[in-house]
Amino acid sequence: MPVIQMHDTVYNIVKTYPLVKDIMVELGFSKITKKVVLESVGRVMTLHKGLQMHHQDIAMVRTIFAKYNFTLEDNHE
């Protein structure tokens, strides 16, 4: 099961695991499908910061990522 660091940028995560873009859309991050958003904001926004900004429950997000066989790690815990 691939491990995704929550404090990595959205851009790096999506570049490494393209399926994550679909997961992010499922979580309500519809703008990530726009290349310009991913290439600009995605380069500075971490997954953790994005989830906080959208008031996402981390436990629920971990469950959704697990459904797609990804493990989320918070390397700052």
C-alpha atoms as a PDB file:
ATOM      1  CA  MET A   1       0.000   0.000   0.000  1.00  0.00           C
ATOM      2  CA  PRO A   2       1.606   3.315  -1.060  1.00  0.00           C
ATOM      3  CA  VAL A   3       2.240   5.814   1.736  1.00  0.00           C
ATOM      4  CA  ILE A   4       1.426   9.480   1.182  1.00  0.00           C
ATOM      5  CA  GLN A   5       2.939  12.116   3.450  1.00  0.00           C
ATOM      6  CA  MET A   6       0.266  14.654   4.390  1.00  0.00           C
ATOM      7  CA  HIS A   7       2.808  17.479   4.514  1.00  0.00           C
ATOM      8  CA  ASP A   8       3.927  16.916   0.929  1.00  0.00           C
ATOM      9  CA  THR A   9       2.544  19.284  -1.699  1.00  0.00           C
ATOM     10  CA  VAL A  10      -0.585  18.344  -3.608  1.00  0.00           C
ATOM     11  CA  TYR A  11       1.386  18.793  -6.828  1.00  0.00           C
ATOM     12  CA  ASN A  12       4.057  16.259  -5.802  1.00  0.00           C
ATOM     13  CA  ILE A  13       1.464  13.772  -4.561  1.00  0.00           C
ATOM     14  CA  VAL A  14      -0.608  13.956  -7.756  1.00  0.00           C
ATOM     15  CA  LYS A  15       2.511  13.775  -9.910  1.00  0.00           C
ATOM     16  CA  THR A  16       3.581  10.596  -8.097  1.00  0.00           C
ATOM     17  CA  TYR A  17       0.090   9.091  -7.778  1.00  0.00           C
ATOM     18  CA  PRO A  18      -2.261  10.498 -10.484  1.00  0.00           C
ATOM     19  CA  LEU A  19      -5.242   8.636  -8.972  1.00  0.00           C
ATOM     20  CA  VAL A  20      -5.043  11.009  -6.004  1.00  0.00           C
ATOM     21  CA  LYS A  21      -6.516  13.753  -8.206  1.00  0.00           C
ATOM     22  CA  ASP A  22      -9.752  11.722  -8.450  1.00  0.00           C
ATOM     23  CA  ILE A  23      -9.746  11.143  -4.689  1.00  0.00           C
ATOM     24  CA  MET A  24      -9.320  14.879  -4.094  1.00  0.00           C
ATOM     25  CA  VAL A  25     -12.275  15.614  -6.394  1.00  0.00           C
ATOM     26  CA  GLU A  26     -14.335  13.102  -4.393  1.00  0.00           C
ATOM     27  CA  LEU A  27     -13.396  15.085  -1.271  1.00  0.00           C
ATOM     28  CA  GLY A  28     -14.654  18.311  -2.831  1.00  0.00           C
ATOM     29  CA  PHE A  29     -11.451  19.746  -4.308  1.00  0.00           C
ATOM     30  CA  SER A  30     -12.935  20.198  -7.791  1.00  0.00           C
ATOM     31  CA  LYS A  31     -10.503  22.944  -8.844  1.00  0.00           C
ATOM     32  CA  ILE A  32      -7.614  20.481  -8.753  1.00  0.00           C
ATOM     33  CA  THR A  33      -8.727  19.244 -12.167  1.00  0.00           C
ATOM     34  CA  LYS A  34      -7.646  22.588 -13.657  1.00  0.00           C
ATOM     35  CA  LYS A  35      -4.030  22.274 -14.732  1.00  0.00           C
ATOM     36  CA  VAL A  36      -3.230  25.891 -13.857  1.00  0.00           C
ATOM     37  CA  VAL A  37      -4.488  25.409 -10.274  1.00  0.00           C
ATOM     38  CA  LEU A  38      -2.526  22.199  -9.797  1.00  0.00           C
ATOM     39  CA  GLU A  39       0.621  23.767 -11.283  1.00  0.00           C
ATOM     40  CA  SER A  40       0.395  26.924  -9.148  1.00  0.00           C
ATOM     41  CA  VAL A  41      -1.484  26.469  -5.887  1.00  0.00           C
ATOM     42  CA  GLY A  42      -0.719  22.744  -5.842  1.00  0.00           C
ATOM     43  CA  ARG A  43       3.008  23.481  -5.677  1.00  0.00           C
ATOM     44  CA  VAL A  44       2.682  25.347  -2.375  1.00  0.00           C
ATOM     45  CA  MET A  45      -0.396  23.764  -0.793  1.00  0.00           C
ATOM     46  CA  THR A  46       0.213  20.642   1.252  1.00  0.00           C
ATOM     47  CA  LEU A  47      -2.444  17.975   1.537  1.00  0.00           C
ATOM     48  CA  HIS A  48      -2.679  18.690   5.259  1.00  0.00           C
ATOM     49  CA  LYS A  49      -3.211  22.458   4.772  1.00  0.00           C
ATOM     50  CA  GLY A  50      -5.789  21.856   2.037  1.00  0.00           C
ATOM     51  CA  LEU A  51      -7.772  19.476   4.217  1.00  0.00           C
ATOM     52  CA  GLN A  52      -7.712  21.984   7.072  1.00  0.00           C
ATOM     53  CA  MET A  53      -8.860  24.816   4.793  1.00  0.00           C
ATOM     54  CA  HIS A  54     -11.801  22.697   3.598  1.00  0.00           C
ATOM     55  CA  HIS A  55     -12.617  21.601   7.176  1.00  0.00           C
ATOM     56  CA  GLN A  56     -12.191  17.931   6.304  1.00  0.00           C
ATOM     57  CA  ASP A  57     -12.164  15.306   9.060  1.00  0.00           C
ATOM     58  CA  ILE A  58      -8.739  13.649   8.871  1.00  0.00           C
ATOM     59  CA  ALA A  59     -10.064  10.255  10.048  1.00  0.00           C
ATOM     60  CA  MET A  60     -12.694  10.274   7.289  1.00  0.00           C
ATOM     61  CA  VAL A  61     -10.086  11.307   4.709  1.00  0.00           C
ATOM     62  CA  ARG A  62      -7.780   8.463   5.821  1.00  0.00           C
ATOM     63  CA  THR A  63     -10.686   6.035   5.327  1.00  0.00           C
ATOM     64  CA  ILE A  64     -11.348   7.315   1.802  1.00  0.00           C
ATOM     65  CA  PHE A  65      -7.671   7.088   0.848  1.00  0.00           C
ATOM     66  CA  ALA A  66      -7.548   3.547   2.327  1.00  0.00           C
ATOM     67  CA  LYS A  67     -10.464   2.609   0.068  1.00  0.00           C
ATOM     68  CA  TYR A  68      -8.088   3.355  -2.830  1.00  0.00           C
ATOM     69  CA  ASN A  69      -5.234   1.451  -1.137  1.00  0.00           C
ATOM     70  CA  PHE A  70      -3.296   4.507   0.061  1.00  0.00           C
ATOM     71  CA  THR A  71      -2.020   5.140   3.563  1.00  0.00           C
ATOM     72  CA  LEU A  72      -1.802   8.717   4.827  1.00  0.00           C
ATOM     73  CA  GLU A  73       1.032   9.562   7.202  1.00  0.00           C
ATOM     74  CA  ASP A  74       1.436  12.782   9.107  1.00  0.00           C
ATOM     75  CA  ASN A  75       5.182  13.119   9.509  1.00  0.00           C
ATOM     76  CA  HIS A  76       4.612  16.021  11.945  1.00  0.00           C
ATOM     77  CA  GLU A  77       2.569  14.058  14.490  1.00  0.00           C
END
